[in-house]
Amino acid sequence: GPFRDALGSAPKEGDKKTYQMDYR
């Protein structure tokens, strides 16, 4: 979260779970 705040790079909609790995 803080990184995305620093760059203003958070997804406008949705999330990144279809390409970043599942933490399980």
mmCIF file of all heavy atoms, coordinates in Angstrom:
data_MODEL
# 
_entry.id   MODEL 
# 
loop_
_atom_site.group_PDB 
_atom_site.id 
_atom_site.type_symbol 
_atom_site.label_atom_id 
_atom_site.label_alt_id 
_atom_site.label_comp_id 
_atom_site.label_asym_id 
_atom_site.label_entity_id 
_atom_site.label_seq_id 
_atom_site.pdbx_PDB_ins_code 
_atom_site.Cartn_x 
_atom_site.Cartn_y 
_atom_site.Cartn_z 
_atom_site.occupancy 
_atom_site.B_iso_or_equiv 
_atom_site.pdbx_formal_charge 
_atom_site.auth_seq_id 
_atom_site.auth_comp_id 
_atom_site.auth_asym_id 
_atom_site.auth_atom_id 
_atom_site.pdbx_PDB_model_num 
ATOM 1   N N   . GLY A 1 1  ? 0.778   -1.235  0.000   1.00 0.00 ? 1  GLY A N   1 
ATOM 2   C CA  . GLY A 1 1  ? 0.000   0.000   0.000   1.00 0.00 ? 1  GLY A CA  1 
ATOM 3   C C   . GLY A 1 1  ? 0.809   1.285   0.000   1.00 0.00 ? 1  GLY A C   1 
ATOM 4   O O   . GLY A 1 1  ? 0.577   2.173   -0.837  1.00 0.00 ? 1  GLY A O   1 
ATOM 5   N N   . PRO A 1 2  ? 1.774   1.462   0.905   1.00 0.00 ? 2  PRO A N   1 
ATOM 6   C CA  . PRO A 1 2  ? 2.533   2.715   0.923   1.00 0.00 ? 2  PRO A CA  1 
ATOM 7   C C   . PRO A 1 2  ? 3.314   2.969   -0.372  1.00 0.00 ? 2  PRO A C   1 
ATOM 8   O O   . PRO A 1 2  ? 3.433   4.114   -0.803  1.00 0.00 ? 2  PRO A O   1 
ATOM 9   C CB  . PRO A 1 2  ? 3.481   2.527   2.116   1.00 0.00 ? 2  PRO A CB  1 
ATOM 10  C CG  . PRO A 1 2  ? 2.759   1.572   3.009   1.00 0.00 ? 2  PRO A CG  1 
ATOM 11  C CD  . PRO A 1 2  ? 2.074   0.616   2.079   1.00 0.00 ? 2  PRO A CD  1 
ATOM 12  N N   . PHE A 1 3  ? 3.828   1.911   -0.993  1.00 0.00 ? 3  PHE A N   1 
ATOM 13  C CA  . PHE A 1 3  ? 4.536   2.057   -2.269  1.00 0.00 ? 3  PHE A CA  1 
ATOM 14  C C   . PHE A 1 3  ? 3.603   2.626   -3.338  1.00 0.00 ? 3  PHE A C   1 
ATOM 15  O O   . PHE A 1 3  ? 3.950   3.555   -4.072  1.00 0.00 ? 3  PHE A O   1 
ATOM 16  C CB  . PHE A 1 3  ? 5.077   0.694   -2.710  1.00 0.00 ? 3  PHE A CB  1 
ATOM 17  C CG  . PHE A 1 3  ? 5.771   0.694   -4.053  1.00 0.00 ? 3  PHE A CG  1 
ATOM 18  C CD1 . PHE A 1 3  ? 7.148   0.828   -4.144  1.00 0.00 ? 3  PHE A CD1 1 
ATOM 19  C CD2 . PHE A 1 3  ? 5.041   0.554   -5.232  1.00 0.00 ? 3  PHE A CD2 1 
ATOM 20  C CE1 . PHE A 1 3  ? 7.788   0.817   -5.385  1.00 0.00 ? 3  PHE A CE1 1 
ATOM 21  C CE2 . PHE A 1 3  ? 5.667   0.544   -6.467  1.00 0.00 ? 3  PHE A CE2 1 
ATOM 22  C CZ  . PHE A 1 3  ? 7.047   0.684   -6.540  1.00 0.00 ? 3  PHE A CZ  1 
ATOM 23  N N   . ARG A 1 4  ? 2.412   2.052   -3.430  1.00 0.00 ? 4  ARG A N   1 
ATOM 24  C CA  . ARG A 1 4  ? 1.457   2.529   -4.439  1.00 0.00 ? 4  ARG A CA  1 
ATOM 25  C C   . ARG A 1 4  ? 1.031   3.961   -4.152  1.00 0.00 ? 4  ARG A C   1 
ATOM 26  O O   . ARG A 1 4  ? 0.792   4.735   -5.081  1.00 0.00 ? 4  ARG A O   1 
ATOM 27  C CB  . ARG A 1 4  ? 0.256   1.585   -4.480  1.00 0.00 ? 4  ARG A CB  1 
ATOM 28  C CG  . ARG A 1 4  ? 0.618   0.200   -5.016  1.00 0.00 ? 4  ARG A CG  1 
ATOM 29  C CD  . ARG A 1 4  ? -0.516  -0.793  -4.874  1.00 0.00 ? 4  ARG A CD  1 
ATOM 30  N NE  . ARG A 1 4  ? -0.118  -2.110  -5.370  1.00 0.00 ? 4  ARG A NE  1 
ATOM 31  C CZ  . ARG A 1 4  ? -0.831  -3.220  -5.231  1.00 0.00 ? 4  ARG A CZ  1 
ATOM 32  N NH1 . ARG A 1 4  ? -2.014  -3.166  -4.608  1.00 0.00 ? 4  ARG A NH1 1 
ATOM 33  N NH2 . ARG A 1 4  ? -0.399  -4.375  -5.705  1.00 0.00 ? 4  ARG A NH2 1 
ATOM 34  N N   . ASP A 1 5  ? 0.981   4.327   -2.881  1.00 0.00 ? 5  ASP A N   1 
ATOM 35  C CA  . ASP A 1 5  ? 0.675   5.704   -2.514  1.00 0.00 ? 5  ASP A CA  1 
ATOM 36  C C   . ASP A 1 5  ? 1.800   6.635   -2.968  1.00 0.00 ? 5  ASP A C   1 
ATOM 37  O O   . ASP A 1 5  ? 1.555   7.736   -3.467  1.00 0.00 ? 5  ASP A O   1 
ATOM 38  C CB  . ASP A 1 5  ? 0.476   5.807   -1.001  1.00 0.00 ? 5  ASP A CB  1 
ATOM 39  C CG  . ASP A 1 5  ? 0.210   7.221   -0.542  1.00 0.00 ? 5  ASP A CG  1 
ATOM 40  O OD1 . ASP A 1 5  ? -0.773  7.825   -1.007  1.00 0.00 ? 5  ASP A OD1 1 
ATOM 41  O OD2 . ASP A 1 5  ? 0.993   7.740   0.273   1.00 0.00 ? 5  ASP A OD2 1 
ATOM 42  N N   . ALA A 1 6  ? 3.037   6.179   -2.822  1.00 0.00 ? 6  ALA A N   1 
ATOM 43  C CA  . ALA A 1 6  ? 4.198   7.002   -3.191  1.00 0.00 ? 6  ALA A CA  1 
ATOM 44  C C   . ALA A 1 6  ? 4.235   7.298   -4.680  1.00 0.00 ? 6  ALA A C   1 
ATOM 45  O O   . ALA A 1 6  ? 4.656   8.381   -5.100  1.00 0.00 ? 6  ALA A O   1 
ATOM 46  C CB  . ALA A 1 6  ? 5.489   6.302   -2.763  1.00 0.00 ? 6  ALA A CB  1 
ATOM 47  N N   . LEU A 1 7  ? 3.787   6.347   -5.501  1.00 0.00 ? 7  LEU A N   1 
ATOM 48  C CA  . LEU A 1 7  ? 3.846   6.519   -6.956  1.00 0.00 ? 7  LEU A CA  1 
ATOM 49  C C   . LEU A 1 7  ? 2.496   6.842   -7.575  1.00 0.00 ? 7  LEU A C   1 
ATOM 50  O O   . LEU A 1 7  ? 2.430   7.174   -8.766  1.00 0.00 ? 7  LEU A O   1 
ATOM 51  C CB  . LEU A 1 7  ? 4.396   5.251   -7.617  1.00 0.00 ? 7  LEU A CB  1 
ATOM 52  C CG  . LEU A 1 7  ? 5.863   4.911   -7.358  1.00 0.00 ? 7  LEU A CG  1 
ATOM 53  C CD1 . LEU A 1 7  ? 6.266   3.691   -8.175  1.00 0.00 ? 7  LEU A CD1 1 
ATOM 54  C CD2 . LEU A 1 7  ? 6.777   6.078   -7.680  1.00 0.00 ? 7  LEU A CD2 1 
ATOM 55  N N   . GLY A 1 8  ? 1.420   6.720   -6.814  1.00 0.00 ? 8  GLY A N   1 
ATOM 56  C CA  . GLY A 1 8  ? 0.096   6.875   -7.397  1.00 0.00 ? 8  GLY A CA  1 
ATOM 57  C C   . GLY A 1 8  ? -0.178  5.792   -8.419  1.00 0.00 ? 8  GLY A C   1 
ATOM 58  O O   . GLY A 1 8  ? -0.747  6.050   -9.481  1.00 0.00 ? 8  GLY A O   1 
ATOM 59  N N   . SER A 1 9  ? 0.212   4.562   -8.088  1.00 0.00 ? 9  SER A N   1 
ATOM 60  C CA  . SER A 1 9  ? 0.151   3.469   -9.065  1.00 0.00 ? 9  SER A CA  1 
ATOM 61  C C   . SER A 1 9  ? -0.831  2.362   -8.694  1.00 0.00 ? 9  SER A C   1 
ATOM 62  O O   . SER A 1 9  ? -0.760  1.263   -9.239  1.00 0.00 ? 9  SER A O   1 
ATOM 63  C CB  . SER A 1 9  ? 1.552   2.852   -9.235  1.00 0.00 ? 9  SER A CB  1 
ATOM 64  O OG  . SER A 1 9  ? 2.013   2.302   -8.002  1.00 0.00 ? 9  SER A OG  1 
ATOM 65  N N   . ALA A 1 10 ? -1.726  2.634   -7.763  1.00 0.00 ? 10 ALA A N   1 
ATOM 66  C CA  . ALA A 1 10 ? -2.699  1.611   -7.374  1.00 0.00 ? 10 ALA A CA  1 
ATOM 67  C C   . ALA A 1 10 ? -3.673  1.339   -8.516  1.00 0.00 ? 10 ALA A C   1 
ATOM 68  O O   . ALA A 1 10 ? -3.977  2.237   -9.313  1.00 0.00 ? 10 ALA A O   1 
ATOM 69  C CB  . ALA A 1 10 ? -3.468  2.070   -6.142  1.00 0.00 ? 10 ALA A CB  1 
ATOM 70  N N   . PRO A 1 11 ? -4.166  0.100   -8.633  1.00 0.00 ? 11 PRO A N   1 
ATOM 71  C CA  . PRO A 1 11 ? -5.154  -0.202  -9.680  1.00 0.00 ? 11 PRO A CA  1 
ATOM 72  C C   . PRO A 1 11 ? -6.387  0.686   -9.536  1.00 0.00 ? 11 PRO A C   1 
ATOM 73  O O   . PRO A 1 11 ? -6.884  0.895   -8.429  1.00 0.00 ? 11 PRO A O   1 
ATOM 74  C CB  . PRO A 1 11 ? -5.506  -1.672  -9.421  1.00 0.00 ? 11 PRO A CB  1 
ATOM 75  C CG  . PRO A 1 11 ? -4.370  -2.217  -8.626  1.00 0.00 ? 11 PRO A CG  1 
ATOM 76  C CD  . PRO A 1 11 ? -3.855  -1.092  -7.812  1.00 0.00 ? 11 PRO A CD  1 
ATOM 77  N N   . LYS A 1 12 ? -6.854  1.193   -10.659 1.00 0.00 ? 12 LYS A N   1 
ATOM 78  C CA  . LYS A 1 12 ? -8.059  2.024   -10.625 1.00 0.00 ? 12 LYS A CA  1 
ATOM 79  C C   . LYS A 1 12 ? -9.284  1.179   -10.285 1.00 0.00 ? 12 LYS A C   1 
ATOM 80  O O   . LYS A 1 12 ? -10.205 1.634   -9.636  1.00 0.00 ? 12 LYS A O   1 
ATOM 81  C CB  . LYS A 1 12 ? -8.248  2.735   -11.969 1.00 0.00 ? 12 LYS A CB  1 
ATOM 82  C CG  . LYS A 1 12 ? -7.109  3.690   -12.332 1.00 0.00 ? 12 LYS A CG  1 
ATOM 83  C CD  . LYS A 1 12 ? -6.944  4.783   -11.295 1.00 0.00 ? 12 LYS A CD  1 
ATOM 84  C CE  . LYS A 1 12 ? -5.901  5.821   -11.719 1.00 0.00 ? 12 LYS A CE  1 
ATOM 85  N NZ  . LYS A 1 12 ? -4.526  5.291   -11.698 1.00 0.00 ? 12 LYS A NZ  1 
ATOM 86  N N   . GLU A 1 13 ? -9.270  -0.061  -10.760 1.00 0.00 ? 13 GLU A N   1 
ATOM 87  C CA  . GLU A 1 13 ? -10.316 -1.022  -10.436 1.00 0.00 ? 13 GLU A CA  1 
ATOM 88  C C   . GLU A 1 13 ? -9.685  -2.406  -10.344 1.00 0.00 ? 13 GLU A C   1 
ATOM 89  O O   . GLU A 1 13 ? -8.649  -2.679  -10.942 1.00 0.00 ? 13 GLU A O   1 
ATOM 90  C CB  . GLU A 1 13 ? -11.408 -1.043  -11.513 1.00 0.00 ? 13 GLU A CB  1 
ATOM 91  C CG  . GLU A 1 13 ? -12.281 0.199   -11.564 1.00 0.00 ? 13 GLU A CG  1 
ATOM 92  C CD  . GLU A 1 13 ? -13.446 0.022   -12.530 1.00 0.00 ? 13 GLU A CD  1 
ATOM 93  O OE1 . GLU A 1 13 ? -14.375 -0.726  -12.182 1.00 0.00 ? 13 GLU A OE1 1 
ATOM 94  O OE2 . GLU A 1 13 ? -13.405 0.612   -13.621 1.00 0.00 ? 13 GLU A OE2 1 
ATOM 95  N N   . GLY A 1 14 ? -10.336 -3.282  -9.595  1.00 0.00 ? 14 GLY A N   1 
ATOM 96  C CA  . GLY A 1 14 ? -9.862  -4.654  -9.516  1.00 0.00 ? 14 GLY A CA  1 
ATOM 97  C C   . GLY A 1 14 ? -8.621  -4.800  -8.653  1.00 0.00 ? 14 GLY A C   1 
ATOM 98  O O   . GLY A 1 14 ? -8.232  -3.911  -7.907  1.00 0.00 ? 14 GLY A O   1 
ATOM 99  N N   . ASP A 1 15 ? -7.977  -5.955  -8.758  1.00 0.00 ? 15 ASP A N   1 
ATOM 100 C CA  . ASP A 1 15 ? -6.754  -6.232  -8.019  1.00 0.00 ? 15 ASP A CA  1 
ATOM 101 C C   . ASP A 1 15 ? -5.773  -6.962  -8.942  1.00 0.00 ? 15 ASP A C   1 
ATOM 102 O O   . ASP A 1 15 ? -6.004  -7.062  -10.137 1.00 0.00 ? 15 ASP A O   1 
ATOM 103 C CB  . ASP A 1 15 ? -7.051  -7.054  -6.758  1.00 0.00 ? 15 ASP A CB  1 
ATOM 104 C CG  . ASP A 1 15 ? -7.798  -8.341  -7.064  1.00 0.00 ? 15 ASP A CG  1 
ATOM 105 O OD1 . ASP A 1 15 ? -7.431  -9.022  -8.053  1.00 0.00 ? 15 ASP A OD1 1 
ATOM 106 O OD2 . ASP A 1 15 ? -8.748  -8.682  -6.331  1.00 0.00 ? 15 ASP A OD2 1 
ATOM 107 N N   . LYS A 1 16 ? -4.685  -7.455  -8.369  1.00 0.00 ? 16 LYS A N   1 
ATOM 108 C CA  . LYS A 1 16 ? -3.628  -8.052  -9.185  1.00 0.00 ? 16 LYS A CA  1 
ATOM 109 C C   . LYS A 1 16 ? -3.489  -9.556  -8.961  1.00 0.00 ? 16 LYS A C   1 
ATOM 110 O O   . LYS A 1 16 ? -2.453  -10.149 -9.268  1.00 0.00 ? 16 LYS A O   1 
ATOM 111 C CB  . LYS A 1 16 ? -2.302  -7.335  -8.904  1.00 0.00 ? 16 LYS A CB  1 
ATOM 112 C CG  . LYS A 1 16 ? -2.360  -5.842  -9.183  1.00 0.00 ? 16 LYS A CG  1 
ATOM 113 C CD  . LYS A 1 16 ? -0.986  -5.199  -9.116  1.00 0.00 ? 16 LYS A CD  1 
ATOM 114 C CE  . LYS A 1 16 ? -1.058  -3.714  -9.474  1.00 0.00 ? 16 LYS A CE  1 
ATOM 115 N NZ  . LYS A 1 16 ? 0.267   -3.072  -9.582  1.00 0.00 ? 16 LYS A NZ  1 
ATOM 116 N N   . LYS A 1 17 ? -4.543  -10.168 -8.473  1.00 0.00 ? 17 LYS A N   1 
ATOM 117 C CA  . LYS A 1 17 ? -4.458  -11.571 -8.082  1.00 0.00 ? 17 LYS A CA  1 
ATOM 118 C C   . LYS A 1 17 ? -4.442  -12.536 -9.258  1.00 0.00 ? 17 LYS A C   1 
ATOM 119 O O   . LYS A 1 17 ? -4.143  -13.720 -9.073  1.00 0.00 ? 17 LYS A O   1 
ATOM 120 C CB  . LYS A 1 17 ? -5.616  -11.910 -7.139  1.00 0.00 ? 17 LYS A CB  1 
ATOM 121 C CG  . LYS A 1 17 ? -5.492  -11.199 -5.798  1.00 0.00 ? 17 LYS A CG  1 
ATOM 122 C CD  . LYS A 1 17 ? -6.633  -11.562 -4.853  1.00 0.00 ? 17 LYS A CD  1 
ATOM 123 C CE  . LYS A 1 17 ? -6.473  -10.842 -3.521  1.00 0.00 ? 17 LYS A CE  1 
ATOM 124 N NZ  . LYS A 1 17 ? -7.585  -11.159 -2.584  1.00 0.00 ? 17 LYS A NZ  1 
ATOM 125 N N   . THR A 1 18 ? -4.752  -12.069 -10.485 1.00 0.00 ? 18 THR A N   1 
ATOM 126 C CA  . THR A 1 18 ? -4.689  -12.975 -11.633 1.00 0.00 ? 18 THR A CA  1 
ATOM 127 C C   . THR A 1 18 ? -3.275  -13.086 -12.189 1.00 0.00 ? 18 THR A C   1 
ATOM 128 O O   . THR A 1 18 ? -3.016  -13.931 -13.049 1.00 0.00 ? 18 THR A O   1 
ATOM 129 C CB  . THR A 1 18 ? -5.629  -12.522 -12.767 1.00 0.00 ? 18 THR A CB  1 
ATOM 130 O OG1 . THR A 1 18 ? -5.210  -11.253 -13.255 1.00 0.00 ? 18 THR A OG1 1 
ATOM 131 C CG2 . THR A 1 18 ? -7.066  -12.445 -12.292 1.00 0.00 ? 18 THR A CG2 1 
ATOM 132 N N   . TYR A 1 19 ? -2.357  -12.240 -11.693 1.00 0.00 ? 19 TYR A N   1 
ATOM 133 C CA  . TYR A 1 19 ? -0.975  -12.382 -12.167 1.00 0.00 ? 19 TYR A CA  1 
ATOM 134 C C   . TYR A 1 19 ? 0.052   -12.444 -11.038 1.00 0.00 ? 19 TYR A C   1 
ATOM 135 O O   . TYR A 1 19 ? 1.046   -13.153 -11.149 1.00 0.00 ? 19 TYR A O   1 
ATOM 136 C CB  . TYR A 1 19 ? -0.602  -11.304 -13.199 1.00 0.00 ? 19 TYR A CB  1 
ATOM 137 C CG  . TYR A 1 19 ? -0.993  -9.879  -12.898 1.00 0.00 ? 19 TYR A CG  1 
ATOM 138 C CD1 . TYR A 1 19 ? -0.068  -8.987  -12.377 1.00 0.00 ? 19 TYR A CD1 1 
ATOM 139 C CD2 . TYR A 1 19 ? -2.263  -9.400  -13.207 1.00 0.00 ? 19 TYR A CD2 1 
ATOM 140 C CE1 . TYR A 1 19 ? -0.400  -7.663  -12.144 1.00 0.00 ? 19 TYR A CE1 1 
ATOM 141 C CE2 . TYR A 1 19 ? -2.609  -8.078  -12.984 1.00 0.00 ? 19 TYR A CE2 1 
ATOM 142 C CZ  . TYR A 1 19 ? -1.674  -7.205  -12.447 1.00 0.00 ? 19 TYR A CZ  1 
ATOM 143 O OH  . TYR A 1 19 ? -2.011  -5.890  -12.224 1.00 0.00 ? 19 TYR A OH  1 
ATOM 144 N N   . GLN A 1 20 ? -0.156  -11.740 -9.933  1.00 0.00 ? 20 GLN A N   1 
ATOM 145 C CA  . GLN A 1 20 ? 0.739   -11.924 -8.796  1.00 0.00 ? 20 GLN A CA  1 
ATOM 146 C C   . GLN A 1 20 ? 0.339   -13.191 -8.038  1.00 0.00 ? 20 GLN A C   1 
ATOM 147 O O   . GLN A 1 20 ? -0.802  -13.629 -8.077  1.00 0.00 ? 20 GLN A O   1 
ATOM 148 C CB  . GLN A 1 20 ? 0.687   -10.701 -7.884  1.00 0.00 ? 20 GLN A CB  1 
ATOM 149 C CG  . GLN A 1 20 ? 1.261   -9.460  -8.537  1.00 0.00 ? 20 GLN A CG  1 
ATOM 150 C CD  . GLN A 1 20 ? 1.192   -8.238  -7.649  1.00 0.00 ? 20 GLN A CD  1 
ATOM 151 O OE1 . GLN A 1 20 ? 0.626   -8.268  -6.561  1.00 0.00 ? 20 GLN A OE1 1 
ATOM 152 N NE2 . GLN A 1 20 ? 1.768   -7.134  -8.121  1.00 0.00 ? 20 GLN A NE2 1 
ATOM 153 N N   . MET A 1 21 ? 1.307   -13.787 -7.308  1.00 0.00 ? 21 MET A N   1 
ATOM 154 C CA  . MET A 1 21 ? 1.095   -15.115 -6.732  1.00 0.00 ? 21 MET A CA  1 
ATOM 155 C C   . MET A 1 21 ? 0.178   -15.115 -5.511  1.00 0.00 ? 21 MET A C   1 
ATOM 156 O O   . MET A 1 21 ? 0.101   -14.136 -4.776  1.00 0.00 ? 21 MET A O   1 
ATOM 157 C CB  . MET A 1 21 ? 2.449   -15.730 -6.356  1.00 0.00 ? 21 MET A CB  1 
ATOM 158 C CG  . MET A 1 21 ? 3.256   -16.224 -7.531  1.00 0.00 ? 21 MET A CG  1 
ATOM 159 S SD  . MET A 1 21 ? 4.839   -16.913 -6.989  1.00 0.00 ? 21 MET A SD  1 
ATOM 160 C CE  . MET A 1 21 ? 4.288   -18.137 -5.799  1.00 0.00 ? 21 MET A CE  1 
ATOM 161 N N   . ASP A 1 22 ? -0.471  -16.230 -5.307  1.00 0.00 ? 22 ASP A N   1 
ATOM 162 C CA  . ASP A 1 22 ? -1.320  -16.470 -4.147  1.00 0.00 ? 22 ASP A CA  1 
ATOM 163 C C   . ASP A 1 22 ? -0.417  -16.724 -2.935  1.00 0.00 ? 22 ASP A C   1 
ATOM 164 O O   . ASP A 1 22 ? 0.426   -17.627 -2.956  1.00 0.00 ? 22 ASP A O   1 
ATOM 165 C CB  . ASP A 1 22 ? -2.196  -17.695 -4.424  1.00 0.00 ? 22 ASP A CB  1 
ATOM 166 C CG  . ASP A 1 22 ? -3.252  -17.930 -3.353  1.00 0.00 ? 22 ASP A CG  1 
ATOM 167 O OD1 . ASP A 1 22 ? -3.011  -17.608 -2.171  1.00 0.00 ? 22 ASP A OD1 1 
ATOM 168 O OD2 . ASP A 1 22 ? -4.325  -18.462 -3.709  1.00 0.00 ? 22 ASP A OD2 1 
ATOM 169 N N   . TYR A 1 23 ? -0.609  -15.951 -1.853  1.00 0.00 ? 23 TYR A N   1 
ATOM 170 C CA  . TYR A 1 23 ? 0.301   -16.077 -0.714  1.00 0.00 ? 23 TYR A CA  1 
ATOM 171 C C   . TYR A 1 23 ? 0.174   -17.407 0.031   1.00 0.00 ? 23 TYR A C   1 
ATOM 172 O O   . TYR A 1 23 ? 0.988   -17.714 0.903   1.00 0.00 ? 23 TYR A O   1 
ATOM 173 C CB  . TYR A 1 23 ? 0.129   -14.901 0.260   1.00 0.00 ? 23 TYR A CB  1 
ATOM 174 C CG  . TYR A 1 23 ? -1.227  -14.751 0.909   1.00 0.00 ? 23 TYR A CG  1 
ATOM 175 C CD1 . TYR A 1 23 ? -1.633  -15.618 1.919   1.00 0.00 ? 23 TYR A CD1 1 
ATOM 176 C CD2 . TYR A 1 23 ? -2.075  -13.714 0.548   1.00 0.00 ? 23 TYR A CD2 1 
ATOM 177 C CE1 . TYR A 1 23 ? -2.863  -15.470 2.544   1.00 0.00 ? 23 TYR A CE1 1 
ATOM 178 C CE2 . TYR A 1 23 ? -3.311  -13.551 1.164   1.00 0.00 ? 23 TYR A CE2 1 
ATOM 179 C CZ  . TYR A 1 23 ? -3.700  -14.431 2.156   1.00 0.00 ? 23 TYR A CZ  1 
ATOM 180 O OH  . TYR A 1 23 ? -4.918  -14.276 2.759   1.00 0.00 ? 23 TYR A OH  1 
ATOM 181 N N   . ARG A 1 24 ? -0.809  -18.225 -0.329  1.00 0.00 ? 24 ARG A N   1 
ATOM 182 C CA  . ARG A 1 24 ? -0.928  -19.543 0.288   1.00 0.00 ? 24 ARG A CA  1 
ATOM 183 C C   . ARG A 1 24 ? 0.026   -20.560 -0.327  1.00 0.00 ? 24 ARG A C   1 
ATOM 184 O O   . ARG A 1 24 ? 0.175   -21.672 0.198   1.00 0.00 ? 24 ARG A O   1 
ATOM 185 C CB  . ARG A 1 24 ? -2.369  -20.042 0.153   1.00 0.00 ? 24 ARG A CB  1 
ATOM 186 C CG  . ARG A 1 24 ? -3.387  -19.211 0.913   1.00 0.00 ? 24 ARG A CG  1 
ATOM 187 C CD  . ARG A 1 24 ? -4.811  -19.609 0.595   1.00 0.00 ? 24 ARG A CD  1 
ATOM 188 N NE  . ARG A 1 24 ? -5.162  -19.286 -0.800  1.00 0.00 ? 24 ARG A NE  1 
ATOM 189 C CZ  . ARG A 1 24 ? -6.384  -19.458 -1.307  1.00 0.00 ? 24 ARG A CZ  1 
ATOM 190 N NH1 . ARG A 1 24 ? -7.347  -19.950 -0.546  1.00 0.00 ? 24 ARG A NH1 1 
ATOM 191 N NH2 . ARG A 1 24 ? -6.625  -19.146 -2.564  1.00 0.00 ? 24 ARG A NH2 1 
# 
